[in-house]
Each structure stands twice: as C-alpha cells, then as structure tokens.
Amino acid sequence: MSNNPKSQLNLRVPAETLKQLDEIVEFYQENTKFGKVSKGDVLSDIIDKSHEVMTKQKLNKRPR
C-alpha cells in the first residue's frame, strides 16, 4: 500500500480482535485492487482513515 519507512509494533490484543482483523484482511484481499495485503497494511489503512475523520471533526468543532 505504501513504500514509507516502517517501524515494528508489538502489541497484545484480545483473540476476538485478532479474529476481526483476519476477517478485515480477507475482505481487503477479496474486494480491493491491492490483492494480497498484510495485516500491517490493513491496520495502516484503518488508522489513516480514522485519522482523516478525526481531523475533519476537529476542524468542524473549532469556534468561528
């Protein structure tokens, strides 16, 4: 998805969260133009999209 330098992230998540991530990865592989994707790619995409939404919400809350 991107060619940016990468950092390793080690974390513990509940088994259900990991199962959900696996389902999301499978969905991305079946329904996007990227084909084979990694869990890291999917997490990066989710975080990027969430960050965009958060930024837009922050801009909308600023007093005018």
PDB file of N, CA and C in Angstrom:
ATOM      1  N   MET A   1       0.807  -1.185   0.000  1.00  0.00           N
ATOM      2  CA  MET A   1       0.000   0.000   0.000  1.00  0.00           C
ATOM      3  C   MET A   1       0.856   1.257   0.000  1.00  0.00           C
ATOM      4  N   SER A   2       1.959   1.256   0.746  1.00  0.00           N
ATOM      5  CA  SER A   2       2.830   2.420   0.735  1.00  0.00           C
ATOM      6  C   SER A   2       4.277   1.958   0.852  1.00  0.00           C
ATOM      7  N   ASN A   3       5.186   2.827   0.423  1.00  0.00           N
ATOM      8  CA  ASN A   3       6.607   2.494   0.481  1.00  0.00           C
ATOM      9  C   ASN A   3       7.338   3.334   1.512  1.00  0.00           C
ATOM     10  N   ASN A   4       6.630   3.813   2.512  1.00  0.00           N
ATOM     11  CA  ASN A   4       7.234   4.608   3.573  1.00  0.00           C
ATOM     12  C   ASN A   4       8.093   3.714   4.457  1.00  0.00           C
ATOM     13  N   PRO A   5       9.124   4.309   5.106  1.00  0.00           N
ATOM     14  CA  PRO A   5       9.887   3.523   6.076  1.00  0.00           C
ATOM     15  C   PRO A   5       8.948   2.959   7.138  1.00  0.00           C
ATOM     16  N   LYS A   6       9.228   1.774   7.601  1.00  0.00           N
ATOM     17  CA  LYS A   6       8.313   1.117   8.538  1.00  0.00           C
ATOM     18  C   LYS A   6       8.975   0.911   9.887  1.00  0.00           C
ATOM     19  N   SER A   7       8.143   0.911  10.924  1.00  0.00           N
ATOM     20  CA  SER A   7       8.565   0.604  12.277  1.00  0.00           C
ATOM     21  C   SER A   7       7.780  -0.619  12.734  1.00  0.00           C
ATOM     22  N   GLN A   8       8.382  -1.393  13.589  1.00  0.00           N
ATOM     23  CA  GLN A   8       7.698  -2.575  14.106  1.00  0.00           C
ATOM     24  C   GLN A   8       6.880  -2.202  15.324  1.00  0.00           C
ATOM     25  N   LEU A   9       5.663  -2.755  15.395  1.00  0.00           N
ATOM     26  CA  LEU A   9       4.765  -2.516  16.510  1.00  0.00           C
ATOM     27  C   LEU A   9       4.386  -3.867  17.098  1.00  0.00           C
ATOM     28  N   ASN A  10       4.776  -4.104  18.318  1.00  0.00           N
ATOM     29  CA  ASN A  10       4.417  -5.347  19.001  1.00  0.00           C
ATOM     30  C   ASN A  10       3.351  -5.027  20.033  1.00  0.00           C
ATOM     31  N   LEU A  11       2.246  -5.745  19.969  1.00  0.00           N
ATOM     32  CA  LEU A  11       1.162  -5.474  20.896  1.00  0.00           C
ATOM     33  C   LEU A  11       0.361  -6.731  21.152  1.00  0.00           C
ATOM     34  N   ARG A  12      -0.381  -6.678  22.230  1.00  0.00           N
ATOM     35  CA  ARG A  12      -1.274  -7.782  22.588  1.00  0.00           C
ATOM     36  C   ARG A  12      -2.702  -7.291  22.434  1.00  0.00           C
ATOM     37  N   VAL A  13      -3.503  -8.100  21.762  1.00  0.00           N
ATOM     38  CA  VAL A  13      -4.918  -7.772  21.577  1.00  0.00           C
ATOM     39  C   VAL A  13      -5.738  -8.996  21.936  1.00  0.00           C
ATOM     40  N   PRO A  14      -6.986  -8.780  22.302  1.00  0.00           N
ATOM     41  CA  PRO A  14      -7.846  -9.934  22.584  1.00  0.00           C
ATOM     42  C   PRO A  14      -7.992 -10.822  21.340  1.00  0.00           C
ATOM     43  N   ALA A  15      -8.216 -12.100  21.558  1.00  0.00           N
ATOM     44  CA  ALA A  15      -8.352 -13.053  20.455  1.00  0.00           C
ATOM     45  C   ALA A  15      -9.460 -12.635  19.500  1.00  0.00           C
ATOM     46  N   GLU A  16     -10.541 -12.083  20.026  1.00  0.00           N
ATOM     47  CA  GLU A  16     -11.658 -11.651  19.178  1.00  0.00           C
ATOM     48  C   GLU A  16     -11.224 -10.519  18.244  1.00  0.00           C
ATOM     49  N   THR A  17     -10.388  -9.613  18.736  1.00  0.00           N
ATOM     50  CA  THR A  17      -9.890  -8.513  17.908  1.00  0.00           C
ATOM     51  C   THR A  17      -9.027  -9.053  16.778  1.00  0.00           C
ATOM     52  N   LEU A  18      -8.200 -10.037  17.081  1.00  0.00           N
ATOM     53  CA  LEU A  18      -7.359 -10.644  16.056  1.00  0.00           C
ATOM     54  C   LEU A  18      -8.211 -11.358  15.006  1.00  0.00           C
ATOM     55  N   LYS A  19      -9.262 -12.012  15.456  1.00  0.00           N
ATOM     56  CA  LYS A  19     -10.183 -12.669  14.525  1.00  0.00           C
ATOM     57  C   LYS A  19     -10.833 -11.628  13.603  1.00  0.00           C
ATOM     58  N   GLN A  20     -11.236 -10.504  14.177  1.00  0.00           N
ATOM     59  CA  GLN A  20     -11.843  -9.440  13.374  1.00  0.00           C
ATOM     60  C   GLN A  20     -10.838  -8.890  12.362  1.00  0.00           C
ATOM     61  N   LEU A  21      -9.588  -8.713  12.777  1.00  0.00           N
ATOM     62  CA  LEU A  21      -8.552  -8.235  11.867  1.00  0.00           C
ATOM     63  C   LEU A  21      -8.360  -9.218  10.719  1.00  0.00           C
ATOM     64  N   ASP A  22      -8.333 -10.508  11.030  1.00  0.00           N
ATOM     65  CA  ASP A  22      -8.205 -11.519   9.978  1.00  0.00           C
ATOM     66  C   ASP A  22      -9.352 -11.417   8.977  1.00  0.00           C
ATOM     67  N   GLU A  23     -10.564 -11.192   9.476  1.00  0.00           N
ATOM     68  CA  GLU A  23     -11.728 -11.049   8.590  1.00  0.00           C
ATOM     69  C   GLU A  23     -11.601  -9.799   7.720  1.00  0.00           C
ATOM     70  N   ILE A  24     -11.104  -8.708   8.297  1.00  0.00           N
ATOM     71  CA  ILE A  24     -10.924  -7.473   7.542  1.00  0.00           C
ATOM     72  C   ILE A  24      -9.858  -7.661   6.467  1.00  0.00           C
ATOM     73  N   VAL A  25      -8.760  -8.316   6.811  1.00  0.00           N
ATOM     74  CA  VAL A  25      -7.694  -8.586   5.832  1.00  0.00           C
ATOM     75  C   VAL A  25      -8.261  -9.408   4.679  1.00  0.00           C
ATOM     76  N   GLU A  26      -9.022 -10.438   4.995  1.00  0.00           N
ATOM     77  CA  GLU A  26      -9.633 -11.268   3.955  1.00  0.00           C
ATOM     78  C   GLU A  26     -10.549 -10.423   3.065  1.00  0.00           C
ATOM     79  N   PHE A  27     -11.331  -9.534   3.688  1.00  0.00           N
ATOM     80  CA  PHE A  27     -12.216  -8.651   2.925  1.00  0.00           C
ATOM     81  C   PHE A  27     -11.406  -7.763   1.981  1.00  0.00           C
ATOM     82  N   TYR A  28     -10.330  -7.156   2.482  1.00  0.00           N
ATOM     83  CA  TYR A  28      -9.476  -6.305   1.646  1.00  0.00           C
ATOM     84  C   TYR A  28      -8.931  -7.100   0.463  1.00  0.00           C
ATOM     85  N   GLN A  29      -8.488  -8.333   0.706  1.00  0.00           N
ATOM     86  CA  GLN A  29      -7.905  -9.135  -0.360  1.00  0.00           C
ATOM     87  C   GLN A  29      -8.933  -9.477  -1.428  1.00  0.00           C
ATOM     88  N   GLU A  30     -10.170  -9.683  -1.013  1.00  0.00           N
ATOM     89  CA  GLU A  30     -11.215 -10.066  -1.961  1.00  0.00           C
ATOM     90  C   GLU A  30     -11.864  -8.866  -2.648  1.00  0.00           C
ATOM     91  N   ASN A  31     -11.842  -7.695  -2.018  1.00  0.00           N
ATOM     92  CA  ASN A  31     -12.657  -6.587  -2.503  1.00  0.00           C
ATOM     93  C   ASN A  31     -11.904  -5.303  -2.833  1.00  0.00           C
ATOM     94  N   THR A  32     -10.595  -5.342  -2.860  1.00  0.00           N
ATOM     95  CA  THR A  32      -9.839  -4.149  -3.235  1.00  0.00           C
ATOM     96  C   THR A  32      -8.907  -4.483  -4.381  1.00  0.00           C
ATOM     97  N   LYS A  33      -8.398  -3.440  -5.000  1.00  0.00           N
ATOM     98  CA  LYS A  33      -7.488  -3.620  -6.132  1.00  0.00           C
ATOM     99  C   LYS A  33      -6.083  -4.031  -5.695  1.00  0.00           C
ATOM    100  N   PHE A  34      -5.829  -4.051  -4.388  1.00  0.00           N
ATOM    101  CA  PHE A  34      -4.487  -4.339  -3.895  1.00  0.00           C
ATOM    102  C   PHE A  34      -4.124  -5.819  -3.945  1.00  0.00           C
ATOM    103  N   GLY A  35      -5.132  -6.698  -3.955  1.00  0.00           N
ATOM    104  CA  GLY A  35      -4.850  -8.135  -3.957  1.00  0.00           C
ATOM    105  C   GLY A  35      -4.326  -8.572  -2.607  1.00  0.00           C
ATOM    106  N   LYS A  36      -3.129  -9.152  -2.587  1.00  0.00           N
ATOM    107  CA  LYS A  36      -2.534  -9.647  -1.347  1.00  0.00           C
ATOM    108  C   LYS A  36      -2.103  -8.475  -0.474  1.00  0.00           C
ATOM    109  N   VAL A  37      -2.617  -8.424   0.740  1.00  0.00           N
ATOM    110  CA  VAL A  37      -2.253  -7.374   1.683  1.00  0.00           C
ATOM    111  C   VAL A  37      -1.895  -7.993   3.024  1.00  0.00           C
ATOM    112  N   SER A  38      -1.094  -7.283   3.783  1.00  0.00           N
ATOM    113  CA  SER A  38      -0.703  -7.767   5.107  1.00  0.00           C
ATOM    114  C   SER A  38      -1.578  -7.136   6.176  1.00  0.00           C
ATOM    115  N   LYS A  39      -1.525  -7.704   7.363  1.00  0.00           N
ATOM    116  CA  LYS A  39      -2.251  -7.126   8.491  1.00  0.00           C
ATOM    117  C   LYS A  39      -1.762  -5.711   8.768  1.00  0.00           C
ATOM    118  N   GLY A  40      -0.462  -5.496   8.637  1.00  0.00           N
ATOM    119  CA  GLY A  40       0.103  -4.167   8.851  1.00  0.00           C
ATOM    120  C   GLY A  40      -0.447  -3.154   7.859  1.00  0.00           C
ATOM    121  N   ASP A  41      -0.576  -3.570   6.585  1.00  0.00           N
ATOM    122  CA  ASP A  41      -1.143  -2.679   5.576  1.00  0.00           C
ATOM    123  C   ASP A  41      -2.585  -2.312   5.915  1.00  0.00           C
ATOM    124  N   VAL A  42      -3.346  -3.308   6.346  1.00  0.00           N
ATOM    125  CA  VAL A  42      -4.752  -3.069   6.687  1.00  0.00           C
ATOM    126  C   VAL A  42      -4.847  -2.140   7.898  1.00  0.00           C
ATOM    127  N   LEU A  43      -4.051  -2.402   8.921  1.00  0.00           N
ATOM    128  CA  LEU A  43      -4.068  -1.533  10.104  1.00  0.00           C
ATOM    129  C   LEU A  43      -3.666  -0.106   9.739  1.00  0.00           C
ATOM    130  N   SER A  44      -2.666   0.052   8.881  1.00  0.00           N
ATOM    131  CA  SER A  44      -2.246   1.383   8.448  1.00  0.00           C
ATOM    132  C   SER A  44      -3.387   2.097   7.729  1.00  0.00           C
ATOM    133  N   ASP A  45      -4.091   1.389   6.866  1.00  0.00           N
ATOM    134  CA  ASP A  45      -5.206   1.980   6.138  1.00  0.00           C
ATOM    135  C   ASP A  45      -6.321   2.407   7.086  1.00  0.00           C
ATOM    136  N   ILE A  46      -6.647   1.539   8.042  1.00  0.00           N
ATOM    137  CA  ILE A  46      -7.694   1.859   9.021  1.00  0.00           C
ATOM    138  C   ILE A  46      -7.296   3.076   9.851  1.00  0.00           C
ATOM    139  N   ILE A  47      -6.049   3.125  10.293  1.00  0.00           N
ATOM    140  CA  ILE A  47      -5.572   4.245  11.101  1.00  0.00           C
ATOM    141  C   ILE A  47      -5.579   5.536  10.280  1.00  0.00           C
ATOM    142  N   ASP A  48      -5.114   5.469   9.034  1.00  0.00           N
ATOM    143  CA  ASP A  48      -5.118   6.654   8.169  1.00  0.00           C
ATOM    144  C   ASP A  48      -6.532   7.205   7.989  1.00  0.00           C
ATOM    145  N   LYS A  49      -7.481   6.314   7.709  1.00  0.00           N
ATOM    146  CA  LYS A  49      -8.869   6.739   7.504  1.00  0.00           C
ATOM    147  C   LYS A  49      -9.465   7.303   8.792  1.00  0.00           C
ATOM    148  N   SER A  50      -9.188   6.682   9.917  1.00  0.00           N
ATOM    149  CA  SER A  50      -9.688   7.173  11.206  1.00  0.00           C
ATOM    150  C   SER A  50      -9.091   8.537  11.526  1.00  0.00           C
ATOM    151  N   HIS A  51      -7.821   8.714  11.214  1.00  0.00           N
ATOM    152  CA  HIS A  51      -7.152   9.983  11.477  1.00  0.00           C
ATOM    153  C   HIS A  51      -7.770  11.087  10.624  1.00  0.00           C
ATOM    154  N   GLU A  52      -8.084  10.798   9.366  1.00  0.00           N
ATOM    155  CA  GLU A  52      -8.742  11.780   8.498  1.00  0.00           C
ATOM    156  C   GLU A  52     -10.085  12.210   9.090  1.00  0.00           C
ATOM    157  N   VAL A  53     -10.876  11.243   9.545  1.00  0.00           N
ATOM    158  CA  VAL A  53     -12.178  11.539  10.141  1.00  0.00           C
ATOM    159  C   VAL A  53     -11.995  12.399  11.392  1.00  0.00           C
ATOM    160  N   MET A  54     -11.052  12.031  12.235  1.00  0.00           N
ATOM    161  CA  MET A  54     -10.792  12.776  13.457  1.00  0.00           C
ATOM    162  C   MET A  54     -10.387  14.210  13.142  1.00  0.00           C
ATOM    163  N   THR A  55      -9.517  14.388  12.167  1.00  0.00           N
ATOM    164  CA  THR A  55      -9.057  15.725  11.786  1.00  0.00           C
ATOM    165  C   THR A  55     -10.222  16.574  11.285  1.00  0.00           C
ATOM    166  N   LYS A  56     -11.083  15.991  10.462  1.00  0.00           N
ATOM    167  CA  LYS A  56     -12.249  16.722   9.966  1.00  0.00           C
ATOM    168  C   LYS A  56     -13.176  17.107  11.115  1.00  0.00           C
ATOM    169  N   GLN A  57     -13.370  16.206  12.071  1.00  0.00           N
ATOM    170  CA  GLN A  57     -14.228  16.509  13.217  1.00  0.00           C
ATOM    171  C   GLN A  57     -13.632  17.628  14.060  1.00  0.00           C
ATOM    172  N   LYS A  58     -12.323  17.619  14.233  1.00  0.00           N
ATOM    173  CA  LYS A  58     -11.664  18.682  14.996  1.00  0.00           C
ATOM    174  C   LYS A  58     -11.845  20.025  14.300  1.00  0.00           C
ATOM    175  N   LEU A  59     -11.715  20.047  12.982  1.00  0.00           N
ATOM    176  CA  LEU A  59     -11.877  21.295  12.228  1.00  0.00           C
ATOM    177  C   LEU A  59     -13.303  21.819  12.334  1.00  0.00           C
ATOM    178  N   ASN A  60     -14.277  20.922  12.360  1.00  0.00           N
ATOM    179  CA  ASN A  60     -15.675  21.326  12.460  1.00  0.00           C
ATOM    180  C   ASN A  60     -16.040  21.840  13.842  1.00  0.00           C
ATOM    181  N   LYS A  61     -15.280  21.475  14.871  1.00  0.00           N
ATOM    182  CA  LYS A  61     -15.578  21.890  16.244  1.00  0.00           C
ATOM    183  C   LYS A  61     -14.960  23.227  16.599  1.00  0.00           C
ATOM    184  N   ARG A  62     -14.058  23.725  15.771  1.00  0.00           N
ATOM    185  CA  ARG A  62     -13.389  24.996  16.084  1.00  0.00           C
ATOM    186  C   ARG A  62     -14.393  26.135  16.082  1.00  0.00           C
ATOM    187  N   PRO A  63     -14.275  27.029  17.059  1.00  0.00           N
ATOM    188  CA  PRO A  63     -15.181  28.189  17.077  1.00  0.00           C
ATOM    189  C   PRO A  63     -14.923  29.083  15.870  1.00  0.00           C
ATOM    190  N   ARG A  64     -15.984  29.667  15.363  1.00  0.00           N
ATOM    191  CA  ARG A  64     -15.843  30.511  14.175  1.00  0.00           C
ATOM    192  C   ARG A  64     -16.004  31.954  14.487  1.00  0.00           C
TER     193      ARG A  64
END
